[in-house]
Every structure is written in structure tokens, then in C-alpha cells.
């Protein structure tokens, strides 16, 4: 039986294991991350206090306070007080604070790798659903937050799904090509302080780490381009099969061979389908061929899952380019 991505995520996080679910079902699930901000969310602290004294949360690494929604306070004593109250409450329950200047809350959660494919998250406002952009399931939580903060669990109603078909083709251009040739390694891994991003080195780019420099704005975090290389002469693509690297700190390291093959085949097929109408695909190197090597790095497995495709946490993505004639390899 086939399930939507949302249904798979809920099944993988269910407190009581289930083999199938349908829209409308109620599932109690473990939450990977919960967050609040200093705006209207600050008023929830009064709700928490009215229910009793809260001195901590179920896991401080999975709860965060984000200050970004109301940067200017001069026009409102209420907002200034909310910010003060927010910091005091976060200190009381010992949770990280992502203060002003670290980034916009919902964007920061994706940039930091807090939201990732297959994750289940809740936040205090309606923009929380944006994390679906990275393959996570996310939704707003209000008065339910005390249960999440104390137990790490919450009930969810399995939603209905809508399918949208967009017809048409993109014109061949340089955007895709530039995206492929950038050397990137932009994983956020390990324990980190609020606002800190650490660079993961899985070994895939061995020999290039010392050459990497800052990438362009809105592009790869890091990159290296061979001086003097002329990209205009490359007209075809050769794509190697994707390679996977488990993170050293992965809680669970066992991956079924069939499931890994399924994931590999699915990734390769999607990539080939995305590129085949824009660039000719070849299987042999040549003077006009760009050879692309890709890796999914720092994979974290939290527990045995129903499917390797839905259970693998893709925290980092490394892209390396090997070009016949450009590198001599």
C-alpha cells in the first residue's frame, strides 16, 4: 500500500507502531523539535504557569526559543516586555535562545538542519508549515505546547493530500549548470550553540577541503572552481551513482541492503529525469562532458524504520565535480 510523505512521517514517529494510516486517523507521535518566538508566543508562558511550575523540558536539544519576529520595540512597550519575558522563561527552563541577528526563525530552522527530510516539528505560529520545503512535516501548535515540552509527544490528525500537476518545460539555461558545478558541503551536524553552524567533513571531498572558499550569495556555502576552466565547452552530462555516508554520531547504523538500493535508485532516477530534457545524458567521459559526483553525507538514523527512504535523515549534501579535460581525471 502506498502512503504520502506526511503519512510515512507520522507512521515512523508513532508512539504505538502502526502499519497503515488513513486521512482522519488520530496518531500520537514523537516530536523531533518544538519552537516558540517572542511575539504572541510569549503569552503562552502564562498558560504554562497556570498549569503548574515548569522547570525544564523533555530534551533541551529539541526545544528552542527564537527572537526575530518583532525586532523593533520602540513603538511598543508590550513587545519589549514580551522579549524580556521570553529570555527569562527560556533561561528558567534551560533551552537554547536564537537571539536577534541569528536569522529569521523559520528560515534559520531549515538552514541549521533542525528541520530535515522525514522530521516532525511543531512551532508556535502559522508559518511552521514552511518546513515542508525540506521534506519535513510541520504544523502550528498553540495550547498543546505544554504537552510537547514536557513529554516530547503530541496527537496529530492525519491530513488529506492534494496533488497538483504543473505542465510545461523550463528553457535550457545556465542556472542548472552552475548549480551542478559548485562544490558544496553545507551540513549542520553535532551539538551546537544557538546560532552556530559547524561544517561536516565526511571525506567525500577529501583533497578539496583546503581549497574551498565562500560561495556566492544565495548559492553554495563553499565552493572551488579550477582557475581558467571554460564551462562553455561542456554540453553533455555524465552522472555517477549517488554515494551515502553515515554520520559518526548516528544513533543507529544498520541499513537494509534492499532499502539502500531503493533509495539509491530513486535518487538517481529523479536526478536523471530532472536533467534529461535539458542536457544530453551520456555514460562515458569525453572532452565536452561534465561528470557529476554526488554524495549524501552525515546521514543519521534514529531508529529502525519502516522504509529506508523515509527514515534516513539527510542532513548534509556534498556535490563534487570531476570534468574530463578540466581536471585531467
Protein backbone atom coordinates (compact mmCIF):
# COMPACT_ATOMS: atom_id res chain seq x y z
CA UNK A 1 0.00 0.00 0.00
CA UNK A 2 1.33 3.44 -0.92
CA UNK A 3 1.41 6.31 1.56
CA UNK A 4 2.04 10.03 1.24
CA UNK A 5 5.22 11.55 2.68
CA UNK A 6 3.20 13.00 5.57
CA UNK A 7 1.64 9.64 6.35
CA UNK A 8 5.04 7.94 6.30
CA UNK A 9 6.48 10.52 8.69
CA UNK A 10 3.60 10.08 11.13
CA UNK A 11 3.90 6.28 10.93
CA UNK A 12 7.66 6.47 11.60
CA UNK A 13 7.08 8.70 14.64
CA UNK A 14 4.02 6.94 16.06
CA UNK A 15 4.26 6.13 19.78
CA UNK A 16 2.35 2.93 19.13
CA UNK A 17 3.67 1.32 15.91
CA UNK A 18 1.17 1.20 13.06
CA UNK A 19 1.36 -0.48 9.66
CA UNK A 20 -1.10 1.79 7.89
CA UNK A 21 -2.99 5.02 8.43
CA UNK A 22 -5.61 7.00 6.52
CA UNK A 23 -6.74 10.64 6.42
CA UNK A 24 -8.76 11.43 9.52
CA UNK A 25 -6.96 8.96 11.80
CA UNK A 26 -5.61 10.27 15.11
CA UNK A 27 -1.95 9.42 15.78
CA UNK A 28 0.09 10.18 18.89
CA UNK A 29 3.64 10.76 17.70
CA UNK A 30 7.08 11.72 18.99
CA UNK A 31 8.10 15.24 18.01
CA UNK A 32 11.64 15.90 16.75
CA UNK A 33 11.63 19.61 17.55
CA UNK A 34 9.42 22.29 19.08
CA UNK A 35 9.93 26.05 18.97
CA UNK A 36 8.41 29.35 20.08
CA UNK A 37 9.11 33.00 19.33
CA UNK A 38 8.89 36.24 21.27
CA UNK A 39 5.71 37.60 19.74
CA UNK A 40 2.27 36.23 20.54
CA UNK A 41 4.00 33.05 21.73
CA UNK A 42 5.28 34.95 24.78
CA UNK A 43 1.71 34.95 26.09
CA UNK A 44 1.78 31.15 26.19
CA UNK A 45 4.14 31.32 29.15
CA UNK A 46 1.20 32.49 31.25
CA UNK A 47 -0.67 29.37 30.16
CA UNK A 48 2.27 27.19 31.16
CA UNK A 49 2.45 28.86 34.57
CA UNK A 50 -1.29 28.44 35.14
CA UNK A 51 -0.90 24.69 34.68
CA UNK A 52 1.87 24.42 37.26
CA UNK A 53 5.55 25.14 37.72
CA UNK A 54 7.61 24.16 34.66
CA UNK A 55 11.33 23.99 35.37
CA UNK A 56 12.55 22.08 32.33
CA UNK A 57 11.64 20.36 29.08
CA UNK A 58 11.78 16.79 27.81
CA UNK A 59 15.01 17.41 25.86
CA UNK A 60 16.69 20.84 25.70
CA UNK A 61 18.31 19.92 22.37
CA UNK A 62 14.86 19.53 20.83
CA UNK A 63 13.29 22.77 22.06
CA UNK A 64 14.28 26.31 21.11
CA UNK A 65 13.31 29.95 21.56
CA UNK A 66 13.63 32.24 18.54
CA UNK A 67 13.72 36.04 18.67
CA UNK A 68 13.18 37.52 15.22
CA UNK A 69 9.52 38.37 14.70
CA UNK A 70 9.49 41.79 16.40
CA UNK A 71 12.95 43.31 16.16
CA UNK A 72 11.93 46.94 16.76
CA UNK A 73 10.49 47.61 20.19
CA UNK A 74 10.36 51.42 20.36
CA UNK A 75 6.76 51.55 19.22
CA UNK A 76 5.50 49.09 21.80
CA UNK A 77 6.23 48.59 25.49
CA UNK A 78 4.26 45.35 25.20
CA UNK A 79 6.69 43.91 22.63
CA UNK A 80 9.68 44.98 24.70
CA UNK A 81 8.19 43.25 27.71
CA UNK A 82 7.50 40.14 25.62
CA UNK A 83 11.16 39.96 24.65
CA UNK A 84 12.27 40.33 28.26
CA UNK A 85 9.78 37.71 29.38
CA UNK A 86 10.89 35.37 26.58
CA UNK A 87 14.54 35.43 27.62
CA UNK A 88 13.67 34.96 31.28
CA UNK A 89 11.43 31.98 30.60
CA UNK A 90 13.98 30.33 28.27
CA UNK A 91 16.64 30.69 30.96
CA UNK A 92 14.30 29.22 33.57
CA UNK A 93 13.63 26.04 31.61
CA UNK A 94 17.20 25.91 30.22
CA UNK A 95 16.56 25.93 26.46
CA UNK A 96 18.67 27.50 23.68
CA UNK A 97 17.85 31.02 22.54
CA UNK A 98 18.36 32.05 18.91
CA UNK A 99 18.60 35.79 19.51
CA UNK A 100 18.17 38.74 17.15
CA UNK A 101 20.80 38.64 14.43
CA UNK A 102 20.99 34.87 14.05
CA UNK A 103 18.32 34.87 11.36
CA UNK A 104 14.57 34.67 10.74
CA UNK A 105 13.16 31.85 12.85
CA UNK A 106 11.55 29.66 10.20
CA UNK A 107 14.40 30.13 7.72
CA UNK A 108 17.00 29.53 10.43
CA UNK A 109 15.39 26.24 11.42
CA UNK A 110 15.90 24.95 7.88
CA UNK A 111 19.37 26.48 7.44
CA UNK A 112 20.61 24.95 10.69
CA UNK A 113 19.37 21.49 9.75
CA UNK A 114 16.86 21.47 12.62
CA UNK A 115 14.21 20.70 10.02
CA UNK A 116 15.22 17.90 7.68
CA UNK A 117 13.61 15.28 5.43
CA UNK A 118 11.45 12.94 7.47
CA UNK A 119 11.38 15.11 10.61
CA UNK A 120 8.27 16.04 12.60
CA UNK A 121 8.23 19.57 14.03
CA UNK A 122 5.84 21.98 15.74
CA UNK A 123 6.19 25.72 16.23
CA UNK A 124 4.07 28.46 17.69
CA UNK A 125 2.78 30.16 14.56
CA UNK A 126 1.17 29.52 11.21
CA UNK A 127 4.36 29.77 9.11
CA UNK A 128 5.57 26.48 10.56
CA UNK A 129 4.32 24.56 7.53
CA UNK A 130 7.20 26.11 5.54
CA UNK A 131 9.47 23.27 6.69
CA UNK A 132 7.77 21.09 4.13
CA UNK A 133 10.21 22.74 1.72
CA UNK A 134 12.96 20.44 3.05
CA UNK A 135 10.78 17.33 3.26
CA UNK A 136 9.72 17.66 6.90
CA UNK A 137 6.21 17.54 8.33
CA UNK A 138 5.48 20.62 10.41
CA UNK A 139 2.46 22.35 11.86
CA UNK A 140 1.45 25.07 14.27
CA UNK A 141 0.86 24.22 17.92
CA UNK A 142 -0.74 26.54 20.47
CA UNK A 143 -2.19 25.50 23.79
CA UNK A 144 -0.87 21.99 23.07
CA UNK A 145 2.73 23.13 23.60
CA UNK A 146 2.91 22.23 27.33
CA UNK A 147 2.35 18.56 26.41
CA UNK A 148 5.12 18.71 23.80
CA UNK A 149 7.57 20.50 26.10
CA UNK A 150 7.02 18.02 28.92
CA UNK A 151 6.64 14.72 27.05
CA UNK A 152 8.01 15.22 23.55
CA UNK A 153 4.73 13.86 22.14
CA UNK A 154 1.54 15.22 20.61
CA UNK A 155 -1.53 13.89 18.85
CA UNK A 156 -2.00 14.60 15.15
CA UNK A 157 -4.91 14.14 12.79
CA UNK A 158 -3.74 12.54 9.54
CA UNK A 159 -4.42 15.17 6.86
CA UNK A 160 -5.83 14.76 3.40
CA UNK A 161 -3.48 15.36 0.47
CA UNK A 162 -3.86 17.33 -2.76
CA UNK A 163 -2.00 16.58 -5.97
CA UNK A 164 -1.04 19.42 -8.30
CA UNK A 165 0.30 18.80 -11.81
CA UNK A 166 2.32 21.63 -13.36
CA UNK A 167 2.76 21.26 -17.09
CA UNK A 168 5.43 22.81 -19.28
CA UNK A 169 9.20 22.77 -19.64
CA UNK A 170 11.93 25.08 -18.42
CA UNK A 171 14.18 26.56 -21.05
CA UNK A 172 17.75 25.36 -21.19
CA UNK A 173 19.93 27.82 -19.32
CA UNK A 174 22.94 28.29 -17.10
CA UNK A 175 21.20 28.12 -13.72
CA UNK A 176 21.13 24.33 -13.60
CA UNK A 177 24.70 24.05 -14.88
CA UNK A 178 26.08 26.44 -12.27
CA UNK A 179 24.16 24.59 -9.57
CA UNK A 180 25.82 21.34 -10.56
CA UNK A 181 29.39 22.60 -10.81
CA UNK A 182 29.55 24.22 -7.40
CA UNK A 183 31.46 22.27 -4.81
CA UNK A 184 29.22 22.29 -1.78
CA UNK A 185 29.28 20.93 1.71
CA UNK A 186 26.69 22.65 3.82
CA UNK A 187 25.73 20.25 6.59
CA UNK A 188 24.94 21.34 10.13
CA UNK A 189 25.79 18.48 12.42
CA UNK A 190 26.53 17.71 16.01
CA UNK A 191 25.60 19.66 19.12
CA UNK A 192 25.89 23.39 18.67
CA UNK A 193 25.15 26.59 20.47
CA UNK A 194 22.35 28.84 19.35
CA UNK A 195 23.25 30.47 16.06
CA UNK A 196 26.38 28.36 15.48
CA UNK A 197 26.80 26.34 12.28
CA UNK A 198 29.50 23.67 12.10
CA UNK A 199 30.95 22.21 8.91
CA UNK A 200 30.72 18.47 8.43
CA UNK A 201 33.58 16.64 6.70
CA UNK A 202 32.54 13.16 5.68
CA UNK A 203 35.58 12.52 3.48
CA UNK A 204 33.75 12.80 0.17
CA UNK A 205 35.60 16.00 -0.74
CA UNK A 206 38.96 14.76 0.57
CA UNK A 207 41.74 16.79 -1.01
CA UNK A 208 39.44 19.73 -1.70
CA UNK A 209 38.59 20.94 1.82
CA UNK A 210 41.65 23.21 1.98
CA UNK A 211 40.74 24.69 -1.43
CA UNK A 212 37.14 25.52 -0.62
CA UNK A 213 36.21 29.18 -0.28
CA UNK A 214 32.98 31.08 0.37
CA UNK A 215 30.35 30.56 -2.30
CA UNK A 216 28.23 33.23 -4.00
CA UNK A 217 25.30 34.89 -2.29
CA UNK A 218 22.24 32.62 -2.31
CA UNK A 219 24.40 29.81 -3.72
CA UNK A 220 26.61 27.09 -2.28
CA UNK A 221 28.08 27.74 1.16
CA UNK A 222 31.52 26.69 -0.05
CA UNK A 223 32.99 26.05 -3.50
CA UNK A 224 36.16 25.61 -5.52
CA UNK A 225 36.48 26.39 -9.23
CA UNK A 226 39.63 25.42 -11.12
CA UNK A 227 41.27 28.61 -12.40
CA UNK A 228 40.91 29.09 -16.13
CA UNK A 229 38.31 26.38 -16.70
CA UNK A 230 35.92 27.14 -19.61
CA UNK A 231 32.46 25.78 -18.87
CA UNK A 232 31.00 26.87 -22.19
CA UNK A 233 32.56 23.89 -23.99
CA UNK A 234 30.67 21.33 -21.93
CA UNK A 235 27.38 20.23 -23.49
CA UNK A 236 26.68 16.78 -22.02
CA UNK A 237 26.29 15.28 -18.56
CA UNK A 238 27.62 12.08 -17.05
CA UNK A 239 26.24 11.43 -13.57
CA UNK A 240 27.77 8.89 -11.20
CA UNK A 241 25.53 6.99 -8.81
CA UNK A 242 24.99 8.82 -5.53
CA UNK A 243 27.13 7.74 -2.56
CA UNK A 244 25.95 7.74 1.08
CA UNK A 245 27.97 8.49 4.21
CA UNK A 246 26.66 7.68 7.71
CA UNK A 247 27.37 10.26 10.40
CA UNK A 248 29.73 9.11 13.15
CA UNK A 249 27.17 10.15 15.74
CA UNK A 250 24.28 8.32 14.06
CA UNK A 251 22.28 6.62 16.80
CA UNK A 252 21.50 3.65 14.56
CA UNK A 253 23.89 2.43 11.86
CA UNK A 254 22.12 -0.56 10.31
CA UNK A 255 20.68 -0.11 6.82
CA UNK A 256 18.98 -2.90 4.93
CA UNK A 257 20.69 -3.51 1.59
CA UNK A 258 17.43 -3.61 -0.35
CA UNK A 259 16.28 -0.35 1.21
CA UNK A 260 19.58 1.35 0.43
CA UNK A 261 19.32 0.19 -3.18
CA UNK A 262 15.76 1.50 -3.31
CA UNK A 263 16.91 4.89 -2.03
CA UNK A 264 19.88 4.98 -4.43
CA UNK A 265 17.78 4.03 -7.45
CA UNK A 266 15.09 6.56 -6.55
CA UNK A 267 17.63 9.37 -6.14
CA UNK A 268 19.44 8.55 -9.39
CA UNK A 269 16.16 8.27 -11.31
CA UNK A 270 14.82 11.60 -10.04
CA UNK A 271 18.07 13.35 -10.89
CA UNK A 272 18.20 11.83 -14.37
CA UNK A 273 14.56 12.75 -15.03
CA UNK A 274 15.20 16.32 -13.93
CA UNK A 275 18.14 16.76 -16.28
CA UNK A 276 17.47 14.60 -19.34
CA UNK A 277 15.34 17.17 -21.17
CA UNK A 278 17.91 19.92 -20.62
CA UNK A 279 21.22 18.21 -21.25
CA UNK A 280 22.07 15.00 -23.14
CA UNK A 281 22.97 12.21 -20.71
CA UNK A 282 25.97 10.01 -21.53
CA UNK A 283 27.70 7.09 -19.83
CA UNK A 284 31.26 7.72 -20.99
CA UNK A 285 33.56 10.69 -20.31
CA UNK A 286 34.63 12.99 -23.14
CA UNK A 287 36.10 16.44 -23.85
CA UNK A 288 32.62 18.04 -23.87
CA UNK A 289 31.22 16.03 -20.94
CA UNK A 290 30.69 17.25 -17.39
CA UNK A 291 30.97 14.38 -14.94
CA UNK A 292 28.99 14.90 -11.74
CA UNK A 293 29.62 13.05 -8.50
CA UNK A 294 27.15 13.47 -5.65
CA UNK A 295 27.01 12.30 -2.06
CA UNK A 296 24.53 12.45 0.76
CA UNK A 297 26.70 12.96 3.83
CA UNK A 298 26.24 12.76 7.58
CA UNK A 299 23.17 10.54 7.41
CA UNK A 300 21.61 9.98 10.81
CA UNK A 301 19.35 7.05 11.61
CA UNK A 302 17.43 7.49 14.84
CA UNK A 303 15.88 4.02 14.95
CA UNK A 304 14.92 1.06 12.74
CA UNK A 305 12.31 2.36 10.31
CA UNK A 306 9.60 1.04 8.05
CA UNK A 307 11.44 2.23 4.96
CA UNK A 308 14.96 3.40 4.38
CA UNK A 309 13.62 6.07 2.06
CA UNK A 310 11.56 7.76 4.77
CA UNK A 311 13.74 7.02 7.77
CA UNK A 312 17.08 8.40 6.63
CA UNK A 313 17.81 11.93 7.83
CA UNK A 314 19.56 13.74 5.01
CA UNK A 315 21.42 16.37 6.98
CA UNK A 316 24.19 17.21 4.53
CA UNK A 317 24.61 17.27 0.79
CA UNK A 318 28.02 17.31 -0.87
CA UNK A 319 28.40 17.91 -4.59
CA UNK A 320 31.70 17.33 -6.35
CA UNK A 321 32.52 17.83 -9.99
CA UNK A 322 35.05 15.85 -12.00
CA UNK A 323 35.43 17.08 -15.58
CA UNK A 324 37.31 15.36 -18.35
CA UNK A 325 39.72 17.97 -19.67
CA UNK A 326 39.05 20.39 -16.81
CA UNK A 327 40.82 18.44 -14.07
CA UNK A 328 42.71 15.90 -16.10
CA UNK A 329 40.88 12.97 -14.47
